[in-house]
């Protein structure tokens, strides 16, 4: 089926995925948190949109899969030109 392929494709788009060391940004507003295919992933707008399109195909195809329970996710921000999750104890600007 297509479902595992869609999730695998999404994982390739997240930072640390195959070919992605990080997602570039210029300001905090460039960084977004994606909750699919897993929790706590900071991505830029371009990859956020690509992952959302894959998630829509996944949902439209009525794919089944474990749903991650995302709780207490830290905010995302632009850290030295890369989208990142704000570390505990880091002050908000």
N, C-alpha and C. Protein backbone atom coordinates (compact mmCIF):
# COMPACT_ATOMS: atom_id res chain seq x y z
N UNK A 1 0.82 -1.19 0.00
CA UNK A 1 0.00 0.00 0.00
C UNK A 1 0.86 1.25 0.00
N UNK A 2 0.21 2.36 -0.23
CA UNK A 2 0.86 3.66 -0.33
C UNK A 2 1.20 4.26 1.04
N UNK A 3 0.50 3.88 2.09
CA UNK A 3 0.64 4.51 3.41
C UNK A 3 2.07 4.54 3.94
N UNK A 4 2.78 3.42 3.99
CA UNK A 4 4.15 3.47 4.50
C UNK A 4 5.06 4.36 3.65
N UNK A 5 4.83 4.39 2.37
CA UNK A 5 5.64 5.22 1.47
C UNK A 5 5.43 6.71 1.77
N UNK A 6 4.19 7.10 2.07
CA UNK A 6 3.90 8.49 2.36
C UNK A 6 4.60 8.93 3.64
N UNK A 7 4.54 8.10 4.67
CA UNK A 7 5.22 8.43 5.93
C UNK A 7 6.73 8.47 5.73
N UNK A 8 7.27 7.54 4.98
CA UNK A 8 8.71 7.51 4.73
C UNK A 8 9.15 8.77 3.98
N UNK A 9 8.34 9.19 3.03
CA UNK A 9 8.64 10.41 2.27
C UNK A 9 8.63 11.63 3.20
N UNK A 10 7.67 11.69 4.12
CA UNK A 10 7.60 12.80 5.07
C UNK A 10 8.82 12.82 5.98
N UNK A 11 9.24 11.64 6.46
CA UNK A 11 10.41 11.58 7.33
C UNK A 11 11.67 12.05 6.61
N UNK A 12 11.74 11.86 5.31
CA UNK A 12 12.89 12.34 4.54
C UNK A 12 12.94 13.86 4.49
N UNK A 13 11.79 14.52 4.68
CA UNK A 13 11.73 15.98 4.59
C UNK A 13 12.06 16.69 5.90
N UNK A 14 12.01 15.97 7.02
CA UNK A 14 12.26 16.62 8.30
C UNK A 14 13.76 16.74 8.55
N UNK A 15 14.17 17.72 9.38
CA UNK A 15 15.59 17.84 9.69
C UNK A 15 16.13 16.54 10.25
N UNK A 16 17.30 16.17 9.78
CA UNK A 16 17.89 14.91 10.19
C UNK A 16 17.48 13.76 9.29
N UNK A 17 16.48 14.00 8.44
CA UNK A 17 16.07 12.98 7.48
C UNK A 17 17.11 12.90 6.37
N UNK A 18 16.97 11.92 5.54
CA UNK A 18 17.92 11.68 4.46
C UNK A 18 18.10 12.95 3.61
N UNK A 19 19.30 13.50 3.64
CA UNK A 19 19.60 14.68 2.83
C UNK A 19 19.23 16.01 3.45
N UNK A 20 18.73 16.01 4.70
CA UNK A 20 18.33 17.26 5.35
C UNK A 20 19.03 17.40 6.69
N UNK A 21 20.03 18.28 6.74
CA UNK A 21 20.70 18.55 8.01
C UNK A 21 19.89 19.54 8.83
N UNK A 22 19.15 20.43 8.18
CA UNK A 22 18.34 21.41 8.87
C UNK A 22 17.57 22.25 7.88
N UNK A 23 16.62 22.99 8.38
CA UNK A 23 15.79 23.84 7.53
C UNK A 23 16.15 25.29 7.80
N UNK A 24 16.53 25.98 6.75
CA UNK A 24 16.95 27.37 6.87
C UNK A 24 15.80 28.32 7.19
N UNK A 25 16.14 29.41 7.89
CA UNK A 25 15.17 30.43 8.22
C UNK A 25 15.90 31.76 8.40
N UNK A 26 15.13 32.84 8.33
CA UNK A 26 15.69 34.17 8.56
C UNK A 26 15.10 34.81 9.81
N UNK A 27 13.90 34.36 10.20
CA UNK A 27 13.21 34.91 11.37
C UNK A 27 12.36 33.81 12.01
N UNK A 28 11.94 34.03 13.25
CA UNK A 28 11.13 33.04 13.96
C UNK A 28 9.86 32.68 13.18
N UNK A 29 9.30 33.63 12.46
CA UNK A 29 8.06 33.37 11.72
C UNK A 29 8.27 32.41 10.55
N UNK A 30 9.52 32.18 10.15
CA UNK A 30 9.81 31.23 9.08
C UNK A 30 9.73 29.78 9.56
N UNK A 31 9.74 29.57 10.86
CA UNK A 31 9.79 28.22 11.44
C UNK A 31 8.41 27.79 11.91
N UNK A 32 8.08 26.54 11.62
CA UNK A 32 6.78 25.96 11.99
C UNK A 32 7.03 24.62 12.67
N UNK A 33 6.07 24.17 13.47
CA UNK A 33 6.14 22.84 14.05
C UNK A 33 5.19 21.93 13.32
N UNK A 34 5.70 20.82 12.85
CA UNK A 34 4.83 19.83 12.22
C UNK A 34 4.58 18.71 13.22
N UNK A 35 3.35 18.22 13.25
CA UNK A 35 3.00 17.14 14.17
C UNK A 35 2.84 15.81 13.43
N UNK A 36 3.13 15.82 12.14
CA UNK A 36 3.04 14.58 11.35
C UNK A 36 4.29 14.48 10.52
N UNK A 37 4.92 13.37 10.37
CA UNK A 37 4.52 12.04 10.80
C UNK A 37 4.89 11.71 12.24
N UNK A 38 5.44 12.68 12.96
CA UNK A 38 5.85 12.45 14.34
C UNK A 38 5.80 13.79 15.07
N UNK A 39 6.01 13.78 16.34
CA UNK A 39 5.95 15.00 17.16
C UNK A 39 7.26 15.76 17.16
N UNK A 40 7.15 17.00 17.57
CA UNK A 40 8.30 17.84 17.88
C UNK A 40 9.32 17.96 16.76
N UNK A 41 8.86 18.41 15.63
CA UNK A 41 9.75 18.63 14.49
C UNK A 41 9.64 20.07 14.03
N UNK A 42 10.76 20.75 14.01
CA UNK A 42 10.79 22.13 13.54
C UNK A 42 11.18 22.14 12.06
N UNK A 43 10.34 22.75 11.25
CA UNK A 43 10.58 22.80 9.80
C UNK A 43 10.31 24.22 9.32
N UNK A 44 10.82 24.54 8.13
CA UNK A 44 10.49 25.85 7.56
C UNK A 44 9.19 25.74 6.76
N UNK A 45 8.69 26.88 6.31
CA UNK A 45 7.38 26.92 5.65
C UNK A 45 7.32 26.01 4.43
N UNK A 46 8.39 25.99 3.64
CA UNK A 46 8.38 25.15 2.42
C UNK A 46 8.13 23.68 2.77
N UNK A 47 8.87 23.15 3.73
CA UNK A 47 8.72 21.74 4.07
C UNK A 47 7.45 21.49 4.87
N UNK A 48 7.01 22.48 5.63
CA UNK A 48 5.73 22.37 6.34
C UNK A 48 4.61 22.10 5.33
N UNK A 49 4.61 22.87 4.23
CA UNK A 49 3.59 22.70 3.19
C UNK A 49 3.71 21.35 2.49
N UNK A 50 4.93 20.90 2.21
CA UNK A 50 5.13 19.61 1.55
C UNK A 50 4.68 18.46 2.45
N UNK A 51 5.00 18.55 3.74
CA UNK A 51 4.59 17.51 4.69
C UNK A 51 3.07 17.50 4.83
N UNK A 52 2.46 18.69 4.87
CA UNK A 52 0.99 18.78 4.97
C UNK A 52 0.32 18.12 3.77
N UNK A 53 0.90 18.28 2.58
CA UNK A 53 0.34 17.64 1.38
C UNK A 53 0.43 16.12 1.49
N UNK A 54 1.55 15.61 2.01
CA UNK A 54 1.68 14.16 2.19
C UNK A 54 0.70 13.65 3.24
N UNK A 55 0.52 14.42 4.32
CA UNK A 55 -0.44 14.04 5.36
C UNK A 55 -1.85 13.98 4.79
N UNK A 56 -2.20 14.93 3.94
CA UNK A 56 -3.53 14.94 3.31
C UNK A 56 -3.73 13.68 2.46
N UNK A 57 -2.72 13.31 1.68
CA UNK A 57 -2.82 12.08 0.88
C UNK A 57 -2.99 10.88 1.79
N UNK A 58 -2.25 10.86 2.91
CA UNK A 58 -2.32 9.77 3.88
C UNK A 58 -3.74 9.66 4.43
N UNK A 59 -4.31 10.81 4.85
CA UNK A 59 -5.66 10.82 5.41
C UNK A 59 -6.72 10.51 4.35
N UNK A 60 -6.57 11.09 3.16
CA UNK A 60 -7.53 10.85 2.09
C UNK A 60 -7.55 9.40 1.65
N UNK A 61 -6.40 8.74 1.76
CA UNK A 61 -6.31 7.32 1.40
C UNK A 61 -6.75 6.41 2.52
N UNK A 62 -7.26 7.01 3.60
CA UNK A 62 -7.72 6.27 4.77
C UNK A 62 -6.66 5.32 5.29
N UNK A 63 -5.44 5.81 5.30
CA UNK A 63 -4.33 5.01 5.82
C UNK A 63 -4.45 4.90 7.33
N UNK A 64 -4.01 3.80 7.82
CA UNK A 64 -4.03 3.56 9.26
C UNK A 64 -2.59 3.58 9.77
N UNK A 65 -2.45 4.10 10.94
CA UNK A 65 -1.13 4.13 11.54
C UNK A 65 -1.23 4.65 12.95
N UNK A 66 -0.22 4.38 13.73
CA UNK A 66 -0.20 4.87 15.10
C UNK A 66 -0.18 6.39 15.11
N UNK A 67 -0.97 6.96 16.00
CA UNK A 67 -1.00 8.40 16.14
C UNK A 67 -0.17 8.77 17.35
N UNK A 68 0.86 9.56 17.13
CA UNK A 68 1.73 9.96 18.22
C UNK A 68 1.00 10.92 19.15
N UNK A 69 1.22 10.75 20.43
CA UNK A 69 0.64 11.66 21.43
C UNK A 69 1.65 12.77 21.67
N UNK A 70 1.36 13.96 21.17
CA UNK A 70 2.26 15.09 21.32
C UNK A 70 1.80 15.94 22.49
N UNK A 71 2.62 16.03 23.51
CA UNK A 71 2.29 16.86 24.65
C UNK A 71 3.47 17.75 24.98
N UNK A 72 3.16 18.93 25.45
CA UNK A 72 4.17 19.86 25.94
C UNK A 72 5.29 20.10 24.94
N UNK A 73 4.92 20.35 23.68
CA UNK A 73 5.94 20.64 22.67
C UNK A 73 6.47 22.05 22.88
N UNK A 74 7.78 22.21 22.89
CA UNK A 74 8.33 23.56 23.02
C UNK A 74 8.09 24.34 21.74
N UNK A 75 8.06 25.67 21.85
CA UNK A 75 7.86 26.47 20.65
C UNK A 75 9.04 26.35 19.68
N UNK A 76 8.77 26.58 18.42
CA UNK A 76 9.83 26.57 17.42
C UNK A 76 10.29 28.01 17.18
N UNK A 77 11.53 28.15 16.76
CA UNK A 77 12.07 29.47 16.47
C UNK A 77 13.24 29.32 15.51
N UNK A 78 13.75 30.45 15.05
CA UNK A 78 14.89 30.47 14.15
C UNK A 78 16.14 30.66 14.99
N UNK A 79 17.00 29.65 15.02
CA UNK A 79 18.22 29.69 15.81
C UNK A 79 19.42 29.66 14.87
N UNK A 80 20.09 30.78 14.80
CA UNK A 80 21.30 30.88 13.98
C UNK A 80 21.07 30.41 12.54
N UNK A 81 19.93 30.78 11.98
CA UNK A 81 19.63 30.48 10.59
C UNK A 81 19.00 29.13 10.33
N UNK A 82 18.68 28.36 11.40
CA UNK A 82 18.03 27.06 11.23
C UNK A 82 16.81 26.97 12.13
N UNK A 83 15.75 26.36 11.64
CA UNK A 83 14.56 26.14 12.46
C UNK A 83 14.91 25.15 13.57
N UNK A 84 14.46 25.46 14.79
CA UNK A 84 14.79 24.60 15.93
C UNK A 84 13.66 24.65 16.95
N UNK A 85 13.67 23.68 17.85
CA UNK A 85 12.77 23.69 19.00
C UNK A 85 13.47 24.46 20.11
N UNK A 86 12.74 25.34 20.78
CA UNK A 86 13.33 26.12 21.84
C UNK A 86 13.68 25.20 23.01
N UNK A 87 14.92 25.26 23.44
CA UNK A 87 15.40 24.41 24.51
C UNK A 87 14.78 24.86 25.84
N UNK A 88 14.52 23.91 26.75
CA UNK A 88 13.98 24.29 28.06
C UNK A 88 14.93 25.28 28.73
N UNK A 89 14.35 26.30 29.32
CA UNK A 89 15.15 27.31 30.02
C UNK A 89 15.58 28.48 29.16
N UNK A 90 15.38 28.38 27.83
CA UNK A 90 15.73 29.47 26.93
C UNK A 90 14.64 30.52 27.00
N UNK A 91 15.03 31.76 27.21
CA UNK A 91 14.04 32.84 27.33
C UNK A 91 13.48 33.19 25.95
N UNK A 92 12.18 33.49 25.98
CA UNK A 92 11.52 33.96 24.76
C UNK A 92 11.91 35.42 24.55
N UNK A 93 12.10 35.84 23.30
CA UNK A 93 12.47 37.25 23.05
C UNK A 93 11.33 38.19 23.38
